[in-house]
Structure formats: C-alpha cells, structure tokens
C-alpha cells in the first residue's frame, strides 16, 4: 500500500503551552489543595498546574482520572481566558425553576427515624415521642 501514508498513525491535537504568573500559580495551588472546594474546580486546577510543569497530556489524564479530551479542553480554555476560563459556563436550555438549596432543606431519611417506625409500628414521619405514646395508649 502507500509508502509514506499515514496508516496506523494517531494524530493528536497539539496542546497549548502554558506559563503561569506567580499569583495564578499560588491561587491554583491553593485551590488544588482545598478539600472543601468543588471537585470539578480542584481537577481543573490540577490539570493546569500539571500542564504548566510540562507533564504530558496522557500522563495528566491518568493522574487526574479524566479523559485526554478534558485535559485538552481545560488547557485550551485556560490558555485563552486564564483563570476565568476555568469557571463553569451557562448551560443551554431552560433555566432552573426551583432553587437547589430549597430542595436540600427537606428532612432526609435517617436510620433513627426508620428505627422508630420499626419498633413502635408508627410511620417514620411521626416523631418518636408521639409514636411511643400512641402505642402505649392502644
């Protein structure tokens, strides 16, 4: 077949080179170490820091446990927009109609609430004190 063809070769997108300013590097390092930060932000910071150190794309993907395409995506966005590029962009479609914080305010199902229902025969939504008195009165 062709003698100089590209059979069997894989073409990878070229990754932009990144040089960090001191303040950027410090901010990204602090974010990468912050265990209370959202996981996606920590991963993005680690990706940029590793790219700036010259680590290969495939190795970064393996270390951070993401696909190579994500390493290239966040590298390119950082190269274009710096730290602002690491933030989430608005998603397409209809905006949310319910406040996510309000959704979390419901009382979660707990083992102690189910234990009261099992031991007293009362529904788990009834307080344990009321459930005990209802059983005692019956």
N, C-alpha and C. Protein backbone atom coordinates (compact mmCIF):
# COMPACT_ATOMS: atom_id res chain seq x y z
N UNK A 1 0.84 -1.17 0.00
CA UNK A 1 0.00 0.00 0.00
C UNK A 1 0.89 1.23 0.00
N UNK A 2 0.39 2.36 0.25
CA UNK A 2 1.16 3.60 0.11
C UNK A 2 2.40 3.61 0.96
N UNK A 3 3.48 4.10 0.41
CA UNK A 3 4.74 4.14 1.14
C UNK A 3 4.87 5.42 1.94
N UNK A 4 4.40 6.16 2.40
CA UNK A 4 4.53 7.36 3.17
C UNK A 4 3.18 7.76 3.71
N UNK A 5 2.24 6.80 3.65
CA UNK A 5 0.90 7.11 4.11
C UNK A 5 0.82 7.25 5.62
N UNK A 6 -0.32 7.59 6.06
CA UNK A 6 -0.49 7.80 7.50
C UNK A 6 -1.25 6.64 8.13
N UNK A 7 -1.10 5.45 7.54
CA UNK A 7 -1.78 4.29 8.09
C UNK A 7 -1.22 3.96 9.46
N UNK A 8 -2.12 3.72 10.39
CA UNK A 8 -1.70 3.30 11.72
C UNK A 8 -1.18 4.41 12.61
N UNK A 9 -1.09 5.62 12.13
CA UNK A 9 -0.61 6.71 12.99
C UNK A 9 -1.79 7.41 13.62
N UNK A 10 -1.59 7.87 14.81
CA UNK A 10 -2.63 8.59 15.54
C UNK A 10 -2.24 10.05 15.58
N UNK A 11 -3.17 10.90 15.22
CA UNK A 11 -2.89 12.34 15.24
C UNK A 11 -3.54 12.95 16.47
N UNK A 12 -2.75 13.56 17.30
CA UNK A 12 -3.26 14.21 18.50
C UNK A 12 -3.28 15.72 18.28
N UNK A 13 -4.25 16.34 18.91
CA UNK A 13 -4.29 17.79 18.87
C UNK A 13 -3.11 18.34 19.65
N UNK A 14 -2.52 19.39 19.16
CA UNK A 14 -1.39 19.98 19.87
C UNK A 14 -1.91 20.80 21.04
N UNK A 15 -1.32 20.56 22.18
CA UNK A 15 -1.73 21.24 23.40
C UNK A 15 -1.02 22.57 23.50
N UNK A 16 -1.75 23.63 23.85
CA UNK A 16 -1.07 24.92 24.03
C UNK A 16 -0.12 24.88 25.23
N UNK A 17 0.96 25.61 25.12
CA UNK A 17 1.90 25.72 26.24
C UNK A 17 1.38 26.78 27.20
N UNK A 18 1.55 26.53 28.48
CA UNK A 18 1.04 27.46 29.49
C UNK A 18 2.18 27.87 30.41
N UNK A 19 2.28 29.17 30.60
CA UNK A 19 3.20 29.72 31.60
C UNK A 19 2.34 30.47 32.60
N UNK A 20 2.52 30.16 33.86
CA UNK A 20 1.71 30.77 34.90
C UNK A 20 2.41 31.96 35.53
N UNK A 21 1.63 32.99 35.83
CA UNK A 21 2.13 34.09 36.64
C UNK A 21 2.17 33.59 38.08
N UNK A 22 2.99 34.20 38.90
CA UNK A 22 3.14 33.76 40.28
C UNK A 22 1.80 33.75 41.02
N UNK A 23 1.00 34.80 40.86
CA UNK A 23 -0.29 34.87 41.55
C UNK A 23 -1.24 33.77 41.07
N UNK A 24 -1.22 33.48 39.76
CA UNK A 24 -2.06 32.41 39.22
C UNK A 24 -1.65 31.07 39.80
N UNK A 25 -0.36 30.83 39.84
CA UNK A 25 0.15 29.56 40.35
C UNK A 25 -0.23 29.38 41.81
N UNK A 26 -0.09 30.43 42.61
CA UNK A 26 -0.44 30.34 44.02
C UNK A 26 -1.93 30.09 44.21
N UNK A 27 -2.75 30.77 43.41
CA UNK A 27 -4.20 30.59 43.52
C UNK A 27 -4.61 29.17 43.10
N UNK A 28 -4.02 28.67 42.03
CA UNK A 28 -4.34 27.32 41.57
C UNK A 28 -3.85 26.25 42.55
N UNK A 29 -2.68 26.46 43.14
CA UNK A 29 -2.17 25.51 44.13
C UNK A 29 -3.07 25.49 45.36
N UNK A 30 -3.51 26.65 45.79
CA UNK A 30 -4.41 26.72 46.94
C UNK A 30 -5.73 26.01 46.63
N UNK A 31 -6.26 26.21 45.44
CA UNK A 31 -7.50 25.56 45.04
C UNK A 31 -7.32 24.04 44.96
N UNK A 32 -6.21 23.60 44.41
CA UNK A 32 -5.95 22.16 44.27
C UNK A 32 -5.82 21.47 45.63
N UNK A 33 -5.41 22.21 46.66
CA UNK A 33 -5.25 21.63 48.00
C UNK A 33 -6.52 21.75 48.84
N UNK A 34 -7.46 22.57 48.43
CA UNK A 34 -8.64 22.84 49.25
C UNK A 34 -9.63 21.69 49.14
N UNK A 35 -9.79 20.92 50.20
CA UNK A 35 -10.66 19.75 50.15
C UNK A 35 -12.13 20.12 50.24
N UNK A 36 -12.44 21.38 50.57
CA UNK A 36 -13.84 21.80 50.62
C UNK A 36 -14.31 22.40 49.29
N UNK A 37 -13.40 22.56 48.35
CA UNK A 37 -13.76 23.13 47.04
C UNK A 37 -14.49 22.08 46.22
N UNK A 38 -15.35 22.50 45.29
CA UNK A 38 -15.99 21.54 44.40
C UNK A 38 -14.94 20.71 43.65
N UNK A 39 -15.20 19.43 43.51
CA UNK A 39 -14.26 18.51 42.89
C UNK A 39 -13.86 18.96 41.50
N UNK A 40 -14.83 19.45 40.72
CA UNK A 40 -14.53 19.86 39.33
C UNK A 40 -13.50 21.00 39.32
N UNK A 41 -13.58 21.90 40.28
CA UNK A 41 -12.63 23.02 40.33
C UNK A 41 -11.23 22.53 40.70
N UNK A 42 -11.16 21.58 41.62
CA UNK A 42 -9.88 21.01 42.04
C UNK A 42 -9.22 20.30 40.86
N UNK A 43 -10.00 19.52 40.10
CA UNK A 43 -9.47 18.80 38.94
C UNK A 43 -8.95 19.78 37.90
N UNK A 44 -9.70 20.82 37.61
CA UNK A 44 -9.28 21.81 36.63
C UNK A 44 -7.99 22.49 37.05
N UNK A 45 -7.89 22.84 38.32
CA UNK A 45 -6.66 23.48 38.82
C UNK A 45 -5.47 22.53 38.69
N UNK A 46 -5.67 21.27 39.04
CA UNK A 46 -4.57 20.29 38.94
C UNK A 46 -4.13 20.12 37.49
N UNK A 47 -5.10 20.08 36.57
CA UNK A 47 -4.76 19.94 35.16
C UNK A 47 -3.86 21.09 34.71
N UNK A 48 -4.24 22.31 35.02
CA UNK A 48 -3.47 23.47 34.58
C UNK A 48 -2.08 23.47 35.23
N UNK A 49 -2.00 23.13 36.50
CA UNK A 49 -0.71 23.09 37.17
C UNK A 49 0.22 22.05 36.55
N UNK A 50 -0.32 20.89 36.23
CA UNK A 50 0.50 19.84 35.62
C UNK A 50 0.93 20.21 34.20
N UNK A 51 0.06 20.86 33.45
CA UNK A 51 0.43 21.31 32.10
C UNK A 51 1.55 22.33 32.18
N UNK A 52 1.45 23.25 33.14
CA UNK A 52 2.48 24.28 33.30
C UNK A 52 3.83 23.66 33.69
N UNK A 53 3.80 22.51 34.36
CA UNK A 53 5.05 21.82 34.73
C UNK A 53 5.62 21.02 33.57
N UNK A 54 4.86 20.90 32.48
CA UNK A 54 5.36 20.19 31.31
C UNK A 54 5.03 18.70 31.27
N UNK A 55 4.11 18.26 32.12
CA UNK A 55 3.71 16.85 32.13
C UNK A 55 2.91 16.56 30.85
N UNK A 56 3.12 15.37 30.28
CA UNK A 56 2.44 15.00 29.03
C UNK A 56 0.94 14.84 29.25
N UNK A 57 0.17 15.10 28.21
CA UNK A 57 -1.30 15.07 28.28
C UNK A 57 -1.82 13.73 28.76
N UNK A 58 -1.32 12.64 28.21
CA UNK A 58 -1.78 11.31 28.61
C UNK A 58 -1.49 11.01 30.07
N UNK A 59 -0.36 11.47 30.55
CA UNK A 59 0.01 11.27 31.95
C UNK A 59 -0.90 12.09 32.86
N UNK A 60 -1.21 13.31 32.46
CA UNK A 60 -2.13 14.15 33.25
C UNK A 60 -3.49 13.47 33.33
N UNK A 61 -3.98 12.98 32.20
CA UNK A 61 -5.28 12.31 32.16
C UNK A 61 -5.29 11.12 33.12
N UNK A 62 -4.21 10.37 33.14
CA UNK A 62 -4.13 9.21 34.03
C UNK A 62 -4.06 9.64 35.50
N UNK A 63 -3.26 10.65 35.80
CA UNK A 63 -3.10 11.11 37.19
C UNK A 63 -4.39 11.69 37.76
N UNK A 64 -5.10 12.44 36.94
CA UNK A 64 -6.30 13.13 37.41
C UNK A 64 -7.55 12.29 37.16
N UNK A 65 -7.41 11.19 36.44
CA UNK A 65 -8.51 10.26 36.14
C UNK A 65 -9.62 10.91 35.32
N UNK A 66 -9.21 11.57 34.24
CA UNK A 66 -10.17 12.16 33.29
C UNK A 66 -9.72 11.79 31.88
N UNK A 67 -10.62 11.89 30.91
CA UNK A 67 -10.21 11.63 29.52
C UNK A 67 -9.23 12.69 29.01
N UNK A 68 -8.41 12.31 28.05
CA UNK A 68 -7.44 13.24 27.45
C UNK A 68 -8.14 14.48 26.90
N UNK A 69 -9.35 14.29 26.37
CA UNK A 69 -10.08 15.41 25.78
C UNK A 69 -10.35 16.50 26.82
N UNK A 70 -10.61 16.10 28.06
CA UNK A 70 -10.84 17.11 29.10
C UNK A 70 -9.56 17.85 29.44
N UNK A 71 -8.45 17.16 29.42
CA UNK A 71 -7.17 17.84 29.67
C UNK A 71 -6.95 18.89 28.59
N UNK A 72 -7.19 18.52 27.34
CA UNK A 72 -7.02 19.47 26.23
C UNK A 72 -8.02 20.62 26.32
N UNK A 73 -9.26 20.30 26.69
CA UNK A 73 -10.30 21.34 26.79
C UNK A 73 -9.92 22.40 27.82
N UNK A 74 -9.55 21.96 29.04
CA UNK A 74 -9.25 22.93 30.10
C UNK A 74 -7.93 23.65 29.86
N UNK A 75 -7.01 22.98 29.20
CA UNK A 75 -5.76 23.64 28.84
C UNK A 75 -6.02 24.75 27.84
N UNK A 76 -6.81 24.46 26.82
CA UNK A 76 -7.12 25.46 25.79
C UNK A 76 -7.92 26.62 26.37
N UNK A 77 -8.90 26.32 27.22
CA UNK A 77 -9.68 27.41 27.82
C UNK A 77 -8.83 28.27 28.72
N UNK A 78 -7.93 27.65 29.48
CA UNK A 78 -7.05 28.44 30.33
C UNK A 78 -6.12 29.30 29.48
N UNK A 79 -5.60 28.74 28.40
CA UNK A 79 -4.68 29.49 27.54
C UNK A 79 -5.38 30.72 26.94
N UNK A 80 -6.67 30.58 26.61
CA UNK A 80 -7.43 31.70 26.02
C UNK A 80 -7.89 32.71 27.05
N UNK A 81 -8.41 32.22 28.19
CA UNK A 81 -9.12 33.09 29.13
C UNK A 81 -8.50 33.17 30.52
N UNK A 82 -7.39 32.49 30.72
CA UNK A 82 -6.72 32.41 32.01
C UNK A 82 -7.67 31.83 33.08
N UNK A 83 -7.62 32.29 34.31
CA UNK A 83 -8.40 31.66 35.38
C UNK A 83 -9.90 31.79 35.17
N UNK A 84 -10.35 32.82 34.48
CA UNK A 84 -11.79 32.96 34.21
C UNK A 84 -12.30 31.81 33.34
N UNK A 85 -11.43 31.24 32.52
CA UNK A 85 -11.82 30.14 31.65
C UNK A 85 -12.09 28.85 32.39
N UNK A 86 -11.67 28.74 33.64
CA UNK A 86 -11.89 27.52 34.40
C UNK A 86 -13.26 27.47 35.06
N UNK A 87 -13.98 28.58 35.04
CA UNK A 87 -15.32 28.63 35.64
C UNK A 87 -16.33 27.96 34.72
N UNK A 88 -17.40 27.46 35.32
CA UNK A 88 -18.48 26.88 34.52
C UNK A 88 -19.15 27.95 33.70
N UNK A 89 -19.53 27.58 32.50
CA UNK A 89 -20.28 28.49 31.63
C UNK A 89 -21.75 28.18 31.76
N UNK A 90 -22.60 29.15 31.44
CA UNK A 90 -24.04 28.87 31.50
C UNK A 90 -24.39 27.72 30.56
N UNK A 91 -25.27 26.86 31.00
CA UNK A 91 -25.68 25.72 30.20
C UNK A 91 -26.84 26.12 29.30
N UNK A 92 -26.92 25.49 28.12
CA UNK A 92 -28.03 25.80 27.24
C UNK A 92 -29.34 25.23 27.77
N UNK A 93 -30.42 25.77 27.30
CA UNK A 93 -31.73 25.25 27.69
C UNK A 93 -32.43 26.14 28.69
N UNK A 94 -33.55 25.64 29.12
CA UNK A 94 -34.39 26.38 30.04
C UNK A 94 -33.74 26.47 31.41
N UNK A 95 -33.77 27.67 32.02
CA UNK A 95 -33.16 27.80 33.35
C UNK A 95 -33.96 27.02 34.40
N UNK A 96 -33.31 26.72 35.49
CA UNK A 96 -33.98 26.01 36.58
C UNK A 96 -35.11 26.86 37.13
N UNK A 97 -36.18 26.18 37.53
CA UNK A 97 -37.31 26.90 38.10
C UNK A 97 -37.38 26.73 39.61
N UNK A 98 -36.61 25.79 40.15
CA UNK A 98 -36.62 25.54 41.57
C UNK A 98 -35.24 25.79 42.14
N UNK A 99 -35.20 26.38 43.29
CA UNK A 99 -33.93 26.68 43.96
C UNK A 99 -33.32 25.39 44.48
N UNK A 100 -32.08 25.04 44.04
CA UNK A 100 -31.48 23.80 44.52
C UNK A 100 -31.27 23.78 46.03
N UNK A 101 -31.07 24.94 46.64
CA UNK A 101 -30.90 24.98 48.09
C UNK A 101 -32.20 24.59 48.79
N UNK A 102 -33.33 24.96 48.21
CA UNK A 102 -34.62 24.60 48.78
C UNK A 102 -34.87 23.10 48.69
N UNK A 103 -34.34 22.47 47.68
CA UNK A 103 -34.52 21.03 47.52
C UNK A 103 -33.77 20.28 48.61
N UNK A 104 -32.68 20.83 49.09
CA UNK A 104 -31.89 20.17 50.13
C UNK A 104 -32.46 20.37 51.52
N UNK A 105 -33.41 21.28 51.67
CA UNK A 105 -33.90 21.60 53.00
C UNK A 105 -34.88 20.56 53.53
N UNK A 106 -35.29 19.60 52.70
CA UNK A 106 -36.18 18.55 53.18
C UNK A 106 -35.45 17.68 54.19
N UNK A 107 -36.22 17.11 55.12
CA UNK A 107 -35.62 16.25 56.11
C UNK A 107 -35.21 14.94 55.45
N UNK A 108 -33.95 14.58 55.54
CA UNK A 108 -33.51 13.33 54.92
C UNK A 108 -33.97 12.12 55.72
N UNK A 109 -34.08 11.00 55.05
CA UNK A 109 -34.41 9.75 55.70
C UNK A 109 -33.21 9.31 56.52
N UNK A 110 -33.44 9.04 57.78
CA UNK A 110 -32.32 8.62 58.64
C UNK A 110 -32.63 7.28 59.28
N UNK A 111 -31.60 6.64 59.74
CA UNK A 111 -31.76 5.34 60.39
C UNK A 111 -32.58 5.47 61.66
N UNK A 112 -32.41 6.57 62.41
CA UNK A 112 -33.14 6.72 63.66
C UNK A 112 -34.63 6.90 63.41
N UNK A 113 -35.02 7.58 62.32
CA UNK A 113 -36.45 7.75 62.04
C UNK A 113 -37.07 6.43 61.61
N UNK A 114 -36.32 5.58 60.89
CA UNK A 114 -36.87 4.29 60.48
C UNK A 114 -36.91 3.33 61.66
N UNK A 115 -35.99 3.47 62.61
CA UNK A 115 -35.97 2.61 63.79
C UNK A 115 -37.22 2.83 64.62
N UNK A 116 -37.68 4.09 64.74
CA UNK A 116 -38.89 4.38 65.50
C UNK A 116 -40.09 3.70 64.86
N UNK A 117 -40.13 3.69 63.54
CA UNK A 117 -41.25 3.06 62.84
C UNK A 117 -41.24 1.56 63.03
N UNK A 118 -40.08 0.96 63.02
CA UNK A 118 -39.97 -0.49 63.16
C UNK A 118 -40.31 -0.92 64.58
N UNK A 119 -39.82 -0.21 65.57
CA UNK A 119 -40.01 -0.64 66.96
C UNK A 119 -41.38 -0.30 67.49
N UNK A 120 -42.02 0.77 66.99
CA UNK A 120 -43.31 1.18 67.53
C UNK A 120 -44.46 0.91 66.59
N UNK A 121 -44.17 0.61 65.34
CA UNK A 121 -45.24 0.40 64.37
C UNK A 121 -45.79 1.69 63.82
N UNK A 122 -45.21 2.84 64.19
CA UNK A 122 -45.69 4.14 63.72
C UNK A 122 -45.01 4.48 62.40
N UNK A 123 -45.64 5.32 61.58
CA UNK A 123 -44.98 5.76 60.36
C UNK A 123 -43.72 6.54 60.70
N UNK A 124 -42.72 6.47 59.82
CA UNK A 124 -41.45 7.12 60.10
C UNK A 124 -41.56 8.63 60.15
N UNK A 125 -42.64 9.22 59.62
CA UNK A 125 -42.78 10.67 59.65
C UNK A 125 -43.26 11.14 61.02
N UNK A 126 -43.78 10.24 61.86
CA UNK A 126 -44.24 10.64 63.18
C UNK A 126 -43.06 10.74 64.12
N UNK A 127 -43.04 11.75 64.99
CA UNK A 127 -41.95 11.86 65.95
C UNK A 127 -41.94 10.64 66.88
N UNK A 128 -40.78 10.26 67.35
CA UNK A 128 -40.63 9.08 68.18
C UNK A 128 -41.44 9.19 69.47
N UNK A 129 -41.50 10.40 70.06
CA UNK A 129 -42.25 10.58 71.30
C UNK A 129 -43.73 10.33 71.06
N UNK A 130 -44.27 10.83 69.97
CA UNK A 130 -45.69 10.63 69.65
C UNK A 130 -45.94 9.18 69.32
N UNK A 131 -45.00 8.54 68.63
CA UNK A 131 -45.19 7.14 68.25
C UNK A 131 -45.24 6.25 69.48
N UNK A 132 -44.39 6.53 70.43
CA UNK A 132 -44.38 5.74 71.66
C UNK A 132 -45.66 5.90 72.44
N UNK A 133 -46.21 7.10 72.52
CA UNK A 133 -47.43 7.32 73.27
C UNK A 133 -48.63 6.72 72.57
N UNK A 134 -48.60 6.68 71.25
CA UNK A 134 -49.71 6.10 70.51
C UNK A 134 -49.76 4.60 70.74
N UNK A 135 -48.61 3.97 70.83
CA UNK A 135 -48.56 2.53 71.06
C UNK A 135 -48.98 2.23 72.48
N UNK A 136 -48.55 3.05 73.42
CA UNK A 136 -48.87 2.83 74.82
C UNK A 136 -50.36 3.01 75.06
N UNK A 137 -50.99 3.94 74.35
CA UNK A 137 -52.42 4.19 74.52
C UNK A 137 -53.26 3.10 73.90
N UNK A 138 -52.74 2.37 72.92
CA UNK A 138 -53.52 1.36 72.21
C UNK A 138 -53.70 0.09 72.96
